[in-house]
Amino acid sequence: VQQATFAAGARDVYLIEEPVAAAIGAGIDISKACGNLIVDIGGGTTDVAVISLGGTVVSTSLKVAGDDFDEAIVRYMKKKHNLLIGDRTKIKIGTTYPLIENEAMEVSGRNLVTGLPKTVTVTSAETERALQGTSNQIIEAIISVLERTPPELSADILERGIMLTGGGAKLRGLEEMIEERTGINTMTAEEPTQVVAIGTGEYVELMSARREL
């Protein structure tokens, strides 16, 4: 990547880890000595990292993320309802945590038995069951990172909470599920899909300013 960038005419090339960029874009001051836990759920990967003093202390990355949530719903619809739904079908009632009131919506697709168009009613409770396996993998990754985090930074995370970023963070119920399983307050960045880009831009500006000094 660096060679290609230089070949394209760039004067300088900086590499930044995605969770670090996400933390900066979310407005976290990563230069301080306190620990911050970032969970960046993108389309293809989820990155979990504890960041302190401008760098990553403990981290892990798994190939389970937003696309897997979509695929889990598609598999559930095939298995439970014999219904093949398109990639563009949006299940607006999707959740990883029980809702106060069970919601329902009609979903249309192709009947795998007859080959004809079919519409079924799906509930939010069903989507929770469908997403359980995928969401549990993300939870396990978070717990794994927490178990390897130095005690003094663990205390900071307990006080400051867990920050969710990335498009997958917009899925309902993630905050509540992570909070219940870890006992740590969990929040989502204001613009979860944009924080990595924003953070990368701010990082470039910082590096440029340092170079000028």
N, C-alpha and C. Protein backbone atom coordinates (compact mmCIF):
# COMPACT_ATOMS: atom_id res chain seq x y z
N VAL A 1 0.83 -1.20 0.00
CA VAL A 1 0.00 0.00 0.00
C VAL A 1 0.87 1.25 0.00
N GLN A 2 1.92 1.23 0.83
CA GLN A 2 2.82 2.39 0.89
C GLN A 2 3.49 2.63 -0.46
N GLN A 3 3.99 1.55 -1.09
CA GLN A 3 4.67 1.68 -2.37
C GLN A 3 3.73 2.22 -3.44
N ALA A 4 2.49 1.72 -3.44
CA ALA A 4 1.51 2.19 -4.42
C ALA A 4 1.19 3.66 -4.21
N THR A 5 1.14 4.07 -2.95
CA THR A 5 0.83 5.47 -2.64
C THR A 5 1.96 6.39 -3.07
N PHE A 6 3.20 5.98 -2.80
CA PHE A 6 4.35 6.78 -3.25
C PHE A 6 4.40 6.84 -4.77
N ALA A 7 4.09 5.69 -5.42
CA ALA A 7 4.10 5.65 -6.88
C ALA A 7 3.07 6.58 -7.48
N ALA A 8 1.98 6.81 -6.71
CA ALA A 8 0.92 7.70 -7.18
C ALA A 8 1.28 9.17 -7.01
N GLY A 9 2.44 9.43 -6.34
CA GLY A 9 2.91 10.80 -6.21
C GLY A 9 2.83 11.41 -4.82
N ALA A 10 2.49 10.61 -3.81
CA ALA A 10 2.40 11.14 -2.45
C ALA A 10 3.79 11.46 -1.90
N ARG A 11 3.91 12.57 -1.18
CA ARG A 11 5.21 12.93 -0.57
C ARG A 11 5.47 12.13 0.68
N ASP A 12 4.42 11.93 1.49
CA ASP A 12 4.55 11.19 2.74
C ASP A 12 3.40 10.21 2.87
N VAL A 13 3.66 9.10 3.52
CA VAL A 13 2.63 8.08 3.76
C VAL A 13 2.62 7.71 5.23
N TYR A 14 1.45 7.76 5.85
CA TYR A 14 1.31 7.38 7.25
C TYR A 14 0.34 6.22 7.36
N LEU A 15 0.65 5.26 8.18
CA LEU A 15 -0.27 4.15 8.44
C LEU A 15 -0.91 4.36 9.80
N ILE A 16 -2.21 4.15 9.88
CA ILE A 16 -2.93 4.31 11.14
C ILE A 16 -3.88 3.13 11.31
N GLU A 17 -3.88 2.55 12.49
CA GLU A 17 -4.79 1.43 12.74
C GLU A 17 -6.21 1.94 12.80
N GLU A 18 -7.13 1.14 12.28
CA GLU A 18 -8.51 1.57 12.18
C GLU A 18 -9.14 1.94 13.53
N PRO A 19 -8.94 1.16 14.61
CA PRO A 19 -9.53 1.55 15.89
C PRO A 19 -8.98 2.89 16.41
N VAL A 20 -7.71 3.16 16.11
CA VAL A 20 -7.12 4.44 16.53
C VAL A 20 -7.80 5.58 15.79
N ALA A 21 -7.97 5.42 14.47
CA ALA A 21 -8.66 6.44 13.68
C ALA A 21 -10.10 6.61 14.16
N ALA A 22 -10.76 5.50 14.50
CA ALA A 22 -12.14 5.56 14.98
C ALA A 22 -12.22 6.33 16.30
N ALA A 23 -11.26 6.08 17.18
CA ALA A 23 -11.24 6.77 18.48
C ALA A 23 -11.07 8.27 18.30
N ILE A 24 -10.14 8.66 17.41
CA ILE A 24 -9.91 10.08 17.15
C ILE A 24 -11.18 10.71 16.57
N GLY A 25 -11.77 10.03 15.59
CA GLY A 25 -12.98 10.54 14.96
C GLY A 25 -14.17 10.63 15.90
N ALA A 26 -14.16 9.80 16.95
CA ALA A 26 -15.24 9.82 17.93
C ALA A 26 -15.03 10.90 18.99
N GLY A 27 -13.93 11.64 18.86
CA GLY A 27 -13.67 12.73 19.79
C GLY A 27 -12.92 12.34 21.05
N ILE A 28 -12.29 11.17 21.05
CA ILE A 28 -11.53 10.71 22.22
C ILE A 28 -10.10 11.23 22.13
N ASP A 29 -9.60 11.77 23.22
CA ASP A 29 -8.20 12.23 23.27
C ASP A 29 -7.33 11.02 23.59
N ILE A 30 -6.76 10.42 22.55
CA ILE A 30 -6.00 9.18 22.74
C ILE A 30 -4.58 9.44 23.24
N SER A 31 -4.19 10.71 23.35
CA SER A 31 -2.82 11.02 23.79
C SER A 31 -2.65 10.86 25.30
N LYS A 32 -3.75 10.80 26.03
CA LYS A 32 -3.68 10.68 27.49
C LYS A 32 -3.31 9.26 27.91
N ALA A 33 -2.89 9.11 29.16
CA ALA A 33 -2.43 7.82 29.67
C ALA A 33 -3.57 6.89 30.06
N CYS A 34 -4.82 7.35 29.94
CA CYS A 34 -5.95 6.51 30.33
C CYS A 34 -6.33 5.55 29.20
N GLY A 35 -7.00 4.46 29.57
CA GLY A 35 -7.39 3.45 28.60
C GLY A 35 -8.76 3.70 28.01
N ASN A 36 -8.90 3.45 26.70
CA ASN A 36 -10.17 3.57 26.00
C ASN A 36 -10.40 2.29 25.20
N LEU A 37 -11.58 1.72 25.31
CA LEU A 37 -11.91 0.50 24.57
C LEU A 37 -12.81 0.84 23.38
N ILE A 38 -12.29 0.57 22.17
CA ILE A 38 -13.02 0.86 20.94
C ILE A 38 -13.42 -0.46 20.28
N VAL A 39 -14.69 -0.55 19.87
CA VAL A 39 -15.17 -1.71 19.12
C VAL A 39 -15.67 -1.18 17.79
N ASP A 40 -14.88 -1.40 16.73
CA ASP A 40 -15.22 -0.88 15.41
C ASP A 40 -15.80 -2.02 14.57
N ILE A 41 -17.11 -1.97 14.32
CA ILE A 41 -17.81 -3.03 13.59
C ILE A 41 -18.05 -2.55 12.16
N GLY A 42 -17.21 -3.00 11.25
CA GLY A 42 -17.35 -2.58 9.86
C GLY A 42 -18.23 -3.53 9.08
N GLY A 43 -17.98 -3.63 7.77
CA GLY A 43 -18.77 -4.53 6.96
C GLY A 43 -18.22 -5.95 7.00
N GLY A 44 -16.88 -6.07 6.92
CA GLY A 44 -16.26 -7.38 6.87
C GLY A 44 -15.51 -7.80 8.11
N THR A 45 -15.05 -6.84 8.90
CA THR A 45 -14.29 -7.17 10.11
C THR A 45 -14.73 -6.33 11.30
N THR A 46 -14.49 -6.88 12.48
CA THR A 46 -14.69 -6.14 13.73
C THR A 46 -13.34 -6.03 14.42
N ASP A 47 -12.94 -4.81 14.75
CA ASP A 47 -11.69 -4.56 15.45
C ASP A 47 -12.00 -4.11 16.86
N VAL A 48 -11.37 -4.78 17.82
CA VAL A 48 -11.54 -4.44 19.24
C VAL A 48 -10.17 -4.05 19.77
N ALA A 49 -10.05 -2.86 20.35
CA ALA A 49 -8.74 -2.40 20.78
C ALA A 49 -8.82 -1.52 22.02
N VAL A 50 -7.84 -1.69 22.89
CA VAL A 50 -7.65 -0.79 24.02
C VAL A 50 -6.56 0.19 23.61
N ILE A 51 -6.88 1.48 23.66
CA ILE A 51 -5.96 2.51 23.19
C ILE A 51 -5.56 3.41 24.35
N SER A 52 -4.26 3.70 24.42
CA SER A 52 -3.73 4.58 25.46
C SER A 52 -2.44 5.20 24.96
N LEU A 53 -2.19 6.45 25.33
CA LEU A 53 -0.96 7.16 24.94
C LEU A 53 -0.73 7.13 23.43
N GLY A 54 -1.82 7.27 22.67
CA GLY A 54 -1.71 7.38 21.22
C GLY A 54 -1.53 6.09 20.46
N GLY A 55 -1.53 4.95 21.16
CA GLY A 55 -1.32 3.68 20.47
C GLY A 55 -2.19 2.57 21.01
N THR A 56 -2.11 1.42 20.36
CA THR A 56 -2.89 0.25 20.76
C THR A 56 -2.13 -0.57 21.79
N VAL A 57 -2.78 -0.88 22.90
CA VAL A 57 -2.17 -1.68 23.97
C VAL A 57 -2.51 -3.16 23.79
N VAL A 58 -3.79 -3.43 23.62
CA VAL A 58 -4.29 -4.80 23.40
C VAL A 58 -5.34 -4.73 22.30
N SER A 59 -5.32 -5.70 21.39
CA SER A 59 -6.31 -5.65 20.32
C SER A 59 -6.56 -7.04 19.74
N THR A 60 -7.64 -7.15 19.01
CA THR A 60 -7.94 -8.35 18.24
C THR A 60 -8.83 -7.95 17.07
N SER A 61 -8.79 -8.76 16.03
CA SER A 61 -9.61 -8.50 14.85
C SER A 61 -10.24 -9.81 14.42
N LEU A 62 -11.53 -9.77 14.11
CA LEU A 62 -12.19 -10.99 13.65
C LEU A 62 -13.02 -10.70 12.41
N LYS A 63 -13.11 -11.69 11.55
CA LYS A 63 -13.84 -11.53 10.29
C LYS A 63 -15.33 -11.80 10.50
N VAL A 64 -15.89 -11.11 11.47
CA VAL A 64 -17.33 -11.17 11.75
C VAL A 64 -17.79 -9.74 11.95
N ALA A 65 -18.74 -9.30 11.14
CA ALA A 65 -19.17 -7.90 11.24
C ALA A 65 -20.54 -7.71 10.59
N GLY A 66 -20.77 -6.51 10.07
CA GLY A 66 -22.09 -6.16 9.55
C GLY A 66 -22.60 -7.09 8.47
N ASP A 67 -21.72 -7.50 7.54
CA ASP A 67 -22.16 -8.40 6.47
C ASP A 67 -22.66 -9.73 7.03
N ASP A 68 -22.02 -10.17 8.13
CA ASP A 68 -22.42 -11.44 8.74
C ASP A 68 -23.79 -11.34 9.40
N PHE A 69 -24.13 -10.15 9.91
CA PHE A 69 -25.47 -9.95 10.45
C PHE A 69 -26.50 -10.14 9.34
N ASP A 70 -26.21 -9.55 8.17
CA ASP A 70 -27.13 -9.67 7.03
C ASP A 70 -27.27 -11.14 6.60
N GLU A 71 -26.12 -11.83 6.52
CA GLU A 71 -26.14 -13.22 6.08
C GLU A 71 -26.88 -14.12 7.08
N ALA A 72 -26.75 -13.79 8.37
CA ALA A 72 -27.44 -14.57 9.40
C ALA A 72 -28.96 -14.47 9.23
N ILE A 73 -29.43 -13.27 8.89
CA ILE A 73 -30.87 -13.07 8.65
C ILE A 73 -31.32 -13.88 7.43
N VAL A 74 -30.51 -13.83 6.36
CA VAL A 74 -30.84 -14.57 5.13
C VAL A 74 -30.92 -16.06 5.42
N ARG A 75 -29.94 -16.60 6.17
CA ARG A 75 -29.94 -18.03 6.50
C ARG A 75 -31.16 -18.41 7.34
N TYR A 76 -31.51 -17.53 8.29
CA TYR A 76 -32.67 -17.80 9.15
C TYR A 76 -33.95 -17.85 8.32
N MET A 77 -34.10 -16.91 7.39
CA MET A 77 -35.31 -16.87 6.57
C MET A 77 -35.42 -18.13 5.70
N LYS A 78 -34.29 -18.62 5.22
CA LYS A 78 -34.30 -19.86 4.42
C LYS A 78 -34.71 -21.05 5.28
N LYS A 79 -34.09 -21.15 6.45
CA LYS A 79 -34.31 -22.32 7.32
C LYS A 79 -35.69 -22.31 7.96
N LYS A 80 -36.11 -21.16 8.46
CA LYS A 80 -37.36 -21.08 9.21
C LYS A 80 -38.59 -20.92 8.32
N HIS A 81 -38.46 -20.13 7.28
CA HIS A 81 -39.63 -19.78 6.47
C HIS A 81 -39.56 -20.27 5.02
N ASN A 82 -38.49 -21.00 4.66
CA ASN A 82 -38.32 -21.43 3.26
C ASN A 82 -38.42 -20.25 2.30
N LEU A 83 -37.83 -19.13 2.72
CA LEU A 83 -37.96 -17.90 1.94
C LEU A 83 -36.57 -17.37 1.58
N LEU A 84 -36.37 -17.14 0.30
CA LEU A 84 -35.12 -16.55 -0.17
C LEU A 84 -35.35 -15.06 -0.35
N ILE A 85 -34.60 -14.25 0.41
CA ILE A 85 -34.76 -12.80 0.31
C ILE A 85 -33.52 -12.20 -0.35
N GLY A 86 -33.69 -11.06 -0.99
CA GLY A 86 -32.60 -10.41 -1.71
C GLY A 86 -31.65 -9.67 -0.78
N ASP A 87 -30.46 -9.37 -1.31
CA ASP A 87 -29.45 -8.66 -0.52
C ASP A 87 -29.92 -7.26 -0.12
N ARG A 88 -30.81 -6.70 -0.92
CA ARG A 88 -31.27 -5.33 -0.65
C ARG A 88 -32.44 -5.28 0.32
N THR A 89 -32.93 -6.43 0.71
CA THR A 89 -34.06 -6.47 1.65
C THR A 89 -33.61 -5.97 3.02
N LYS A 90 -34.23 -4.94 3.52
CA LYS A 90 -33.87 -4.36 4.81
C LYS A 90 -34.83 -4.83 5.90
N ILE A 91 -34.28 -5.49 6.91
CA ILE A 91 -35.09 -5.92 8.04
C ILE A 91 -34.98 -4.84 9.11
N LYS A 92 -35.94 -3.92 9.11
CA LYS A 92 -35.85 -2.74 9.98
C LYS A 92 -36.10 -3.06 11.45
N ILE A 93 -36.54 -4.28 11.74
CA ILE A 93 -36.83 -4.62 13.13
C ILE A 93 -35.71 -5.46 13.74
N GLY A 94 -34.57 -5.56 13.04
CA GLY A 94 -33.45 -6.35 13.52
C GLY A 94 -32.93 -5.87 14.86
N THR A 95 -32.62 -6.81 15.75
CA THR A 95 -32.10 -6.45 17.07
C THR A 95 -31.30 -7.61 17.64
N THR A 96 -30.34 -7.29 18.49
CA THR A 96 -29.56 -8.34 19.17
C THR A 96 -29.94 -8.46 20.64
N TYR A 97 -30.96 -7.69 21.04
CA TYR A 97 -31.39 -7.68 22.45
C TYR A 97 -32.91 -7.56 22.49
N PRO A 98 -33.56 -8.25 23.44
CA PRO A 98 -35.04 -8.20 23.49
C PRO A 98 -35.57 -6.77 23.59
N LEU A 99 -36.55 -6.46 22.76
CA LEU A 99 -37.19 -5.16 22.81
C LEU A 99 -38.30 -5.17 23.85
N ILE A 100 -38.66 -3.99 24.34
CA ILE A 100 -39.74 -3.89 25.33
C ILE A 100 -41.03 -4.43 24.72
N GLU A 101 -41.28 -4.07 23.47
CA GLU A 101 -42.45 -4.57 22.75
C GLU A 101 -41.98 -5.28 21.49
N ASN A 102 -42.42 -6.51 21.30
CA ASN A 102 -42.03 -7.29 20.13
C ASN A 102 -42.60 -6.64 18.86
N GLU A 103 -41.75 -6.32 17.91
CA GLU A 103 -42.19 -5.68 16.68
C GLU A 103 -42.30 -6.71 15.56
N ALA A 104 -43.05 -6.36 14.52
CA ALA A 104 -43.23 -7.28 13.40
C ALA A 104 -43.27 -6.51 12.08
N MET A 105 -42.86 -7.19 11.01
CA MET A 105 -42.94 -6.59 9.69
C MET A 105 -43.09 -7.70 8.65
N GLU A 106 -43.64 -7.34 7.50
CA GLU A 106 -43.79 -8.30 6.41
C GLU A 106 -42.54 -8.28 5.54
N VAL A 107 -42.08 -9.48 5.19
CA VAL A 107 -40.88 -9.62 4.34
C VAL A 107 -41.26 -10.46 3.13
N SER A 108 -40.89 -9.96 1.95
CA SER A 108 -41.23 -10.67 0.71
C SER A 108 -39.99 -11.27 0.08
N GLY A 109 -40.18 -12.40 -0.58
CA GLY A 109 -39.09 -13.08 -1.26
C GLY A 109 -39.63 -14.19 -2.12
N ARG A 110 -38.78 -15.19 -2.40
CA ARG A 110 -39.20 -16.32 -3.23
C ARG A 110 -39.30 -17.58 -2.39
N ASN A 111 -40.43 -18.25 -2.50
CA ASN A 111 -40.65 -19.51 -1.78
C ASN A 111 -39.72 -20.57 -2.35
N LEU A 112 -38.86 -21.14 -1.50
CA LEU A 112 -37.88 -22.12 -1.95
C LEU A 112 -38.52 -23.45 -2.34
N VAL A 113 -39.75 -23.69 -1.91
CA VAL A 113 -40.45 -24.95 -2.23
C VAL A 113 -41.19 -24.84 -3.56
N THR A 114 -41.97 -23.76 -3.71
CA THR A 114 -42.80 -23.61 -4.91
C THR A 114 -42.14 -22.76 -5.99
N GLY A 115 -41.16 -21.93 -5.59
CA GLY A 115 -40.53 -21.03 -6.54
C GLY A 115 -41.32 -19.77 -6.80
N LEU A 116 -42.45 -19.62 -6.11
CA LEU A 116 -43.33 -18.47 -6.31
C LEU A 116 -43.05 -17.37 -5.27
N PRO A 117 -43.45 -16.13 -5.57
CA PRO A 117 -43.30 -15.05 -4.60
C PRO A 117 -44.07 -15.35 -3.33
N LYS A 118 -43.52 -14.92 -2.19
CA LYS A 118 -44.15 -15.23 -0.91
C LYS A 118 -43.87 -14.10 0.08
N THR A 119 -44.81 -13.84 0.95
CA THR A 119 -44.64 -12.83 1.99
C THR A 119 -44.91 -13.47 3.35
N VAL A 120 -44.02 -13.25 4.29
CA VAL A 120 -44.19 -13.78 5.64
C VAL A 120 -44.04 -12.64 6.64
N THR A 121 -44.56 -12.85 7.84
CA THR A 121 -44.43 -11.88 8.91
C THR A 121 -43.29 -12.32 9.83
N VAL A 122 -42.36 -11.42 10.06
CA VAL A 122 -41.19 -11.70 10.89
C VAL A 122 -41.21 -10.78 12.11
N THR A 123 -40.83 -11.30 13.26
CA THR A 123 -40.83 -10.51 14.49
C THR A 123 -39.40 -10.16 14.91
N SER A 124 -39.28 -9.15 15.74
CA SER A 124 -37.96 -8.75 16.25
C SER A 124 -37.35 -9.86 17.10
N ALA A 125 -38.19 -10.64 17.78
CA ALA A 125 -37.68 -11.75 18.59
C ALA A 125 -37.00 -12.79 17.70
N GLU A 126 -37.54 -12.98 16.49
CA GLU A 126 -36.92 -13.91 15.54
C GLU A 126 -35.56 -13.40 15.09
N THR A 127 -35.46 -12.10 14.84
CA THR A 127 -34.17 -11.56 14.39
C THR A 127 -33.13 -11.68 15.49
N GLU A 128 -33.57 -11.54 16.74
CA GLU A 128 -32.63 -11.70 17.86
C GLU A 128 -32.05 -13.11 17.86
N ARG A 129 -32.91 -14.10 17.66
CA ARG A 129 -32.44 -15.49 17.60
C ARG A 129 -31.51 -15.69 16.41
N ALA A 130 -31.86 -15.10 15.28
CA ALA A 130 -31.05 -15.25 14.06
C ALA A 130 -29.66 -14.66 14.21
N LEU A 131 -29.57 -13.56 14.96
CA LEU A 131 -28.30 -12.83 15.10
C LEU A 131 -27.48 -13.28 16.29
N GLN A 132 -28.00 -14.18 17.09
CA GLN A 132 -27.36 -14.56 18.35
C GLN A 132 -25.94 -15.09 18.16
N GLY A 133 -25.75 -16.00 17.20
CA GLY A 133 -24.44 -16.59 16.99
C GLY A 133 -23.40 -15.56 16.59
N THR A 134 -23.77 -14.67 15.68
CA THR A 134 -22.85 -13.64 15.21
C THR A 134 -22.52 -12.64 16.31
N SER A 135 -23.53 -12.18 17.03
CA SER A 135 -23.30 -11.21 18.09
C SER A 135 -22.47 -11.80 19.23
N ASN A 136 -22.66 -13.10 19.50
CA ASN A 136 -21.88 -13.75 20.56
C ASN A 136 -20.39 -13.77 20.22
N GLN A 137 -20.05 -13.92 18.95
CA GLN A 137 -18.64 -13.90 18.55
C GLN A 137 -17.99 -12.55 18.84
N ILE A 138 -18.75 -11.49 18.62
CA ILE A 138 -18.22 -10.15 18.90
C ILE A 138 -18.06 -9.95 20.41
N ILE A 139 -19.04 -10.43 21.17
CA ILE A 139 -18.94 -10.35 22.63
C ILE A 139 -17.71 -11.09 23.13
N GLU A 140 -17.47 -12.28 22.61
CA GLU A 140 -16.32 -13.08 23.04
C GLU A 140 -15.00 -12.36 22.73
N ALA A 141 -14.95 -11.66 21.60
CA ALA A 141 -13.75 -10.91 21.24
C ALA A 141 -13.51 -9.76 22.22
N ILE A 142 -14.60 -9.08 22.60
CA ILE A 142 -14.49 -7.98 23.57
C ILE A 142 -13.99 -8.51 24.91
N ILE A 143 -14.57 -9.61 25.37
CA ILE A 143 -14.17 -10.19 26.65
C ILE A 143 -12.71 -10.64 26.61
N SER A 144 -12.28 -11.20 25.47
CA SER A 144 -10.90 -11.63 25.30
C SER A 144 -9.92 -10.47 25.46
N VAL A 145 -10.27 -9.34 24.86
CA VAL A 145 -9.41 -8.14 24.98
C VAL A 145 -9.41 -7.62 26.41
N LEU A 146 -10.58 -7.61 27.04
CA LEU A 146 -10.66 -7.14 28.43
C LEU A 146 -9.82 -8.01 29.36
N GLU A 147 -9.80 -9.32 29.12
CA GLU A 147 -9.03 -10.24 29.96
C GLU A 147 -7.54 -10.00 29.84
N ARG A 148 -7.09 -9.44 28.70
CA ARG A 148 -5.66 -9.20 28.48
C ARG A 148 -5.25 -7.76 28.75
N THR A 149 -6.20 -6.96 29.20
CA THR A 149 -5.93 -5.54 29.44
C THR A 149 -5.27 -5.34 30.81
N PRO A 150 -4.20 -4.52 30.90
CA PRO A 150 -3.57 -4.22 32.19
C PRO A 150 -4.59 -3.66 33.19
N PRO A 151 -4.47 -4.03 34.46
CA PRO A 151 -5.46 -3.63 35.48
C PRO A 151 -5.73 -2.13 35.54
N GLU A 152 -4.66 -1.32 35.44
CA GLU A 152 -4.86 0.13 35.55
C GLU A 152 -5.69 0.67 34.40
N LEU A 153 -5.56 0.07 33.21
CA LEU A 153 -6.36 0.50 32.06
C LEU A 153 -7.78 -0.06 32.14
N SER A 154 -7.91 -1.23 32.77
CA SER A 154 -9.25 -1.81 32.97
C SER A 154 -10.10 -0.90 33.83
N ALA A 155 -9.46 -0.31 34.83
CA ALA A 155 -10.18 0.62 35.70
C ALA A 155 -10.66 1.84 34.92
N ASP A 156 -9.84 2.32 33.98
CA ASP A 156 -10.23 3.46 33.14
C ASP A 156 -11.42 3.10 32.27
N ILE A 157 -11.38 1.90 31.68
CA ILE A 157 -12.46 1.46 30.79
C ILE A 157 -13.76 1.32 31.57
N LEU A 158 -13.68 0.81 32.78
CA LEU A 158 -14.87 0.66 33.62
C LEU A 158 -15.50 2.02 33.89
N GLU A 159 -14.65 3.04 34.03
CA GLU A 159 -15.14 4.39 34.31
C GLU A 159 -15.61 5.10 33.05
N ARG A 160 -14.88 4.92 31.94
CA ARG A 160 -15.15 5.67 30.71
C ARG A 160 -16.12 4.95 29.77
N GLY A 161 -16.21 3.64 29.88
CA GLY A 161 -17.14 2.87 29.06
C GLY A 161 -16.53 2.36 27.77
N ILE A 162 -17.34 1.66 27.00
CA ILE A 162 -16.94 1.08 25.70
C ILE A 162 -17.57 1.91 24.59
N MET A 163 -16.76 2.25 23.58
CA MET A 163 -17.25 3.04 22.45
C MET A 163 -17.42 2.17 21.23
N LEU A 164 -18.63 2.17 20.65
CA LEU A 164 -18.91 1.43 19.42
C LEU A 164 -18.84 2.36 18.22
N THR A 165 -18.17 1.90 17.16
CA THR A 165 -18.10 2.67 15.92
C THR A 165 -18.32 1.72 14.74
N GLY A 166 -18.41 2.29 13.54
CA GLY A 166 -18.62 1.48 12.34
C GLY A 166 -20.09 1.30 12.03
N GLY A 167 -20.39 0.93 10.79
CA GLY A 167 -21.78 0.77 10.36
C GLY A 167 -22.52 -0.28 11.14
N GLY A 168 -21.84 -1.37 11.55
CA GLY A 168 -22.49 -2.44 12.30
C GLY A 168 -22.94 -2.01 13.68
N ALA A 169 -22.37 -0.91 14.18
CA ALA A 169 -22.73 -0.42 15.51
C ALA A 169 -24.15 0.14 15.55
N LYS A 170 -24.73 0.38 14.37
CA LYS A 170 -26.08 0.95 14.30
C LYS A 170 -27.17 -0.10 14.53
N LEU A 171 -26.76 -1.38 14.56
CA LEU A 171 -27.74 -2.43 14.81
C LEU A 171 -28.30 -2.30 16.23
N ARG A 172 -29.62 -2.33 16.34
CA ARG A 172 -30.26 -2.16 17.65
C ARG A 172 -29.88 -3.29 18.61
N GLY A 173 -29.78 -2.92 19.87
CA GLY A 173 -29.56 -3.91 20.91
C GLY A 173 -28.11 -4.20 21.24
N LEU A 174 -27.18 -3.76 20.38
CA LEU A 174 -25.76 -4.06 20.64
C LEU A 174 -25.28 -3.42 21.94
N GLU A 175 -25.63 -2.16 22.14
CA GLU A 175 -25.21 -1.48 23.37
C GLU A 175 -25.69 -2.24 24.60
N GLU A 176 -26.98 -2.57 24.62
CA GLU A 176 -27.56 -3.25 25.78
C GLU A 176 -26.96 -4.63 25.98
N MET A 177 -26.73 -5.36 24.88
CA MET A 177 -26.19 -6.70 24.98
C MET A 177 -24.76 -6.70 25.53
N ILE A 178 -23.92 -5.80 25.00
CA ILE A 178 -22.53 -5.72 25.46
C ILE A 178 -22.48 -5.28 26.91
N GLU A 179 -23.33 -4.31 27.26
CA GLU A 179 -23.36 -3.81 28.63
C GLU A 179 -23.77 -4.91 29.61
N GLU A 180 -24.75 -5.72 29.22
CA GLU A 180 -25.22 -6.79 30.09
C GLU A 180 -24.15 -7.86 30.28
N ARG A 181 -23.43 -8.21 29.20
CA ARG A 181 -22.45 -9.28 29.27
C ARG A 181 -21.13 -8.86 29.92
N THR A 182 -20.79 -7.58 29.84
CA THR A 182 -19.50 -7.12 30.38
C THR A 182 -19.63 -6.33 31.67
N GLY A 183 -20.83 -5.78 31.92
CA GLY A 183 -21.01 -4.94 33.10
C GLY A 183 -20.43 -3.55 32.92
N ILE A 184 -20.10 -3.18 31.67
CA ILE A 184 -19.48 -1.88 31.39
C ILE A 184 -20.42 -1.04 30.53
N ASN A 185 -20.59 0.22 30.92
CA ASN A 185 -21.43 1.14 30.15
C ASN A 185 -20.95 1.18 28.69
N THR A 186 -21.87 1.05 27.75
CA THR A 186 -21.53 1.00 26.33
C THR A 186 -22.31 2.06 25.57
N MET A 187 -21.61 2.77 24.69
CA MET A 187 -22.26 3.84 23.92
C MET A 187 -21.81 3.78 22.46
N THR A 188 -22.59 4.39 21.58
CA THR A 188 -22.26 4.42 20.16
C THR A 188 -21.88 5.84 19.77
N ALA A 189 -20.84 5.98 18.95
CA ALA A 189 -20.40 7.29 18.48
C ALA A 189 -21.54 7.99 17.73
N GLU A 190 -21.52 9.31 17.71
CA GLU A 190 -22.58 10.09 17.08
C GLU A 190 -22.74 9.75 15.60
N GLU A 191 -21.62 9.66 14.87
CA GLU A 191 -21.64 9.31 13.45
C GLU A 191 -20.78 8.07 13.26
N PRO A 192 -21.28 6.90 13.66
CA PRO A 192 -20.45 5.69 13.68
C PRO A 192 -19.86 5.30 12.34
N THR A 193 -20.56 5.61 11.24
CA THR A 193 -20.05 5.22 9.92
C THR A 193 -18.98 6.18 9.39
N GLN A 194 -18.82 7.34 10.02
CA GLN A 194 -17.91 8.35 9.51
C GLN A 194 -16.67 8.56 10.37
N VAL A 195 -16.66 8.00 11.58
CA VAL A 195 -15.58 8.34 12.51
C VAL A 195 -14.20 7.92 12.03
N VAL A 196 -14.09 6.79 11.32
CA VAL A 196 -12.78 6.36 10.83
C VAL A 196 -12.24 7.35 9.81
N ALA A 197 -13.08 7.79 8.89
CA ALA A 197 -12.65 8.78 7.89
C ALA A 197 -12.30 10.10 8.54
N ILE A 198 -13.13 10.54 9.49
CA ILE A 198 -12.86 11.80 10.20
C ILE A 198 -11.56 11.70 10.98
N GLY A 199 -11.38 10.60 11.69
CA GLY A 199 -10.17 10.41 12.50
C GLY A 199 -8.92 10.34 11.66
N THR A 200 -9.01 9.70 10.49
CA THR A 200 -7.87 9.61 9.60
C THR A 200 -7.47 11.00 9.10
N GLY A 201 -8.46 11.81 8.76
CA GLY A 201 -8.19 13.17 8.32
C GLY A 201 -7.51 14.00 9.40
N GLU A 202 -8.00 13.88 10.62
CA GLU A 202 -7.41 14.63 11.74
C GLU A 202 -5.98 14.14 12.02
N TYR A 203 -5.75 12.84 11.86
CA TYR A 203 -4.42 12.28 12.08
C TYR A 203 -3.44 12.81 11.04
N VAL A 204 -3.87 12.89 9.79
CA VAL A 204 -3.02 13.43 8.72
C VAL A 204 -2.66 14.88 9.01
N GLU A 205 -3.64 15.66 9.46
CA GLU A 205 -3.38 17.06 9.80
C GLU A 205 -2.37 17.16 10.93
N LEU A 206 -2.49 16.28 11.91
CA LEU A 206 -1.56 16.28 13.04
C LEU A 206 -0.15 15.94 12.59
N MET A 207 -0.03 14.92 11.73
CA MET A 207 1.29 14.54 11.22
C MET A 207 1.90 15.64 10.37
N SER A 208 1.08 16.32 9.58
CA SER A 208 1.56 17.40 8.75
C SER A 208 2.08 18.56 9.59
N ALA A 209 1.35 18.85 10.67
CA ALA A 209 1.76 19.93 11.57
C ALA A 209 3.09 19.60 12.24
N ARG A 210 3.26 18.34 12.65
CA ARG A 210 4.51 17.92 13.28
C ARG A 210 5.68 18.00 12.31
N ARG A 211 5.42 17.65 11.03
CA ARG A 211 6.47 17.71 10.02
C ARG A 211 6.95 19.14 9.80
N GLU A 212 5.98 20.07 9.84
CA GLU A 212 6.33 21.48 9.63
C GLU A 212 7.17 22.03 10.77
N LEU A 213 6.99 21.45 11.99
CA LEU A 213 7.79 21.89 13.13
C LEU A 213 9.24 21.44 12.98
